[in-house]
Amino acid sequence: MVELLSPTKSADLLGCKKNTLAIWRLKGTGPVFVRVGSRVMYAREDLEKFIATRKRCSTSDVGAAE
């Protein structure tokens, strides 16, 4: 079963503010999200993928760490 998290819990997991997630949704730069009725939710699996794709070995890296 897919575990869906609210924007508040998702922001806590990512270490950002709930408003940052809203901005990322608007720009299309944040984690994948789903709408359940009028509510925005995030699958824990998608948040984990989002984190994994942003791993870096140094501040000058533009791609993911290997």
C-alpha atoms as a PDB file:
ATOM      1  CA  MET A   1       0.000   0.000   0.000  1.00  0.00           C
ATOM      2  CA  VAL A   2       1.223   3.485  -0.846  1.00  0.00           C
ATOM      3  CA  GLU A   3       1.901   5.713   2.141  1.00  0.00           C
ATOM      4  CA  LEU A   4       0.688   9.237   1.397  1.00  0.00           C
ATOM      5  CA  LEU A   5       1.954  12.166   3.444  1.00  0.00           C
ATOM      6  CA  SER A   6       0.525  15.640   3.860  1.00  0.00           C
ATOM      7  CA  PRO A   7       2.574  18.632   2.711  1.00  0.00           C
ATOM      8  CA  THR A   8       3.387  19.381   6.368  1.00  0.00           C
ATOM      9  CA  LYS A   9       4.767  15.886   7.038  1.00  0.00           C
ATOM     10  CA  SER A  10       6.508  15.870   3.651  1.00  0.00           C
ATOM     11  CA  ALA A  11       8.201  19.178   4.394  1.00  0.00           C
ATOM     12  CA  ASP A  12       9.359  17.802   7.756  1.00  0.00           C
ATOM     13  CA  LEU A  13      10.832  14.754   6.017  1.00  0.00           C
ATOM     14  CA  LEU A  14      12.650  16.928   3.472  1.00  0.00           C
ATOM     15  CA  GLY A  15      13.754  19.512   6.031  1.00  0.00           C
ATOM     16  CA  CYS A  16      12.068  22.404   4.262  1.00  0.00           C
ATOM     17  CA  LYS A  17       9.035  24.600   4.819  1.00  0.00           C
ATOM     18  CA  LYS A  18       5.548  23.690   3.636  1.00  0.00           C
ATOM     19  CA  ASN A  19       5.554  26.896   1.586  1.00  0.00           C
ATOM     20  CA  THR A  20       8.707  25.724  -0.220  1.00  0.00           C
ATOM     21  CA  LEU A  21       6.817  22.639  -1.401  1.00  0.00           C
ATOM     22  CA  ALA A  22       4.014  24.873  -2.680  1.00  0.00           C
ATOM     23  CA  ILE A  23       6.518  26.974  -4.645  1.00  0.00           C
ATOM     24  CA  TRP A  24       8.184  23.853  -6.045  1.00  0.00           C
ATOM     25  CA  ARG A  25       4.749  22.522  -7.136  1.00  0.00           C
ATOM     26  CA  LEU A  26       4.034  25.796  -8.909  1.00  0.00           C
ATOM     27  CA  LYS A  27       7.416  25.740 -10.681  1.00  0.00           C
ATOM     28  CA  GLY A  28       7.363  21.984 -11.320  1.00  0.00           C
ATOM     29  CA  THR A  29      10.761  21.539  -9.656  1.00  0.00           C
ATOM     30  CA  GLY A  30       9.844  19.598  -6.520  1.00  0.00           C
ATOM     31  CA  PRO A  31       8.905  16.026  -5.782  1.00  0.00           C
ATOM     32  CA  VAL A  32       6.054  14.360  -7.634  1.00  0.00           C
ATOM     33  CA  PHE A  33       2.724  14.848  -5.873  1.00  0.00           C
ATOM     34  CA  VAL A  34      -0.807  13.532  -6.175  1.00  0.00           C
ATOM     35  CA  ARG A  35      -4.170  15.169  -5.730  1.00  0.00           C
ATOM     36  CA  VAL A  36      -6.725  13.310  -3.652  1.00  0.00           C
ATOM     37  CA  GLY A  37      -9.848  15.324  -4.190  1.00  0.00           C
ATOM     38  CA  SER A  38      -8.717  18.852  -3.429  1.00  0.00           C
ATOM     39  CA  ARG A  39      -5.851  17.741  -1.161  1.00  0.00           C
ATOM     40  CA  VAL A  40      -2.213  17.588  -2.229  1.00  0.00           C
ATOM     41  CA  MET A  41      -0.380  14.508  -0.973  1.00  0.00           C
ATOM     42  CA  TYR A  42       3.080  13.030  -1.447  1.00  0.00           C
ATOM     43  CA  ALA A  43       3.962   9.343  -1.641  1.00  0.00           C
ATOM     44  CA  ARG A  44       6.815   8.535   0.729  1.00  0.00           C
ATOM     45  CA  GLU A  45       8.453   6.565  -2.093  1.00  0.00           C
ATOM     46  CA  ASP A  46       8.456   9.654  -4.347  1.00  0.00           C
ATOM     47  CA  LEU A  47       9.987  11.781  -1.593  1.00  0.00           C
ATOM     48  CA  GLU A  48      12.739   9.198  -1.103  1.00  0.00           C
ATOM     49  CA  LYS A  49      13.429   9.200  -4.871  1.00  0.00           C
ATOM     50  CA  PHE A  50      13.528  13.004  -4.833  1.00  0.00           C
ATOM     51  CA  ILE A  51      16.128  12.916  -2.069  1.00  0.00           C
ATOM     52  CA  ALA A  52      18.183  10.213  -3.831  1.00  0.00           C
ATOM     53  CA  THR A  53      18.381  12.196  -7.074  1.00  0.00           C
ATOM     54  CA  ARG A  54      19.882  15.167  -5.238  1.00  0.00           C
ATOM     55  CA  LYS A  55      22.846  13.407  -3.627  1.00  0.00           C
ATOM     56  CA  ARG A  56      26.159  15.072  -4.410  1.00  0.00           C
ATOM     57  CA  CYS A  57      29.816  14.440  -3.553  1.00  0.00           C
ATOM     58  CA  SER A  58      30.843  18.094  -3.631  1.00  0.00           C
ATOM     59  CA  THR A  59      29.281  21.511  -4.025  1.00  0.00           C
ATOM     60  CA  SER A  60      30.591  21.740  -7.608  1.00  0.00           C
ATOM     61  CA  ASP A  61      28.801  18.528  -8.702  1.00  0.00           C
ATOM     62  CA  VAL A  62      25.953  19.126 -11.119  1.00  0.00           C
ATOM     63  CA  GLY A  63      24.901  15.484 -11.375  1.00  0.00           C
ATOM     64  CA  ALA A  64      23.991  12.823  -8.874  1.00  0.00           C
ATOM     65  CA  ALA A  65      26.673  11.090  -6.829  1.00  0.00           C
ATOM     66  CA  GLU A  66      27.567   7.560  -7.813  1.00  0.00           C
END
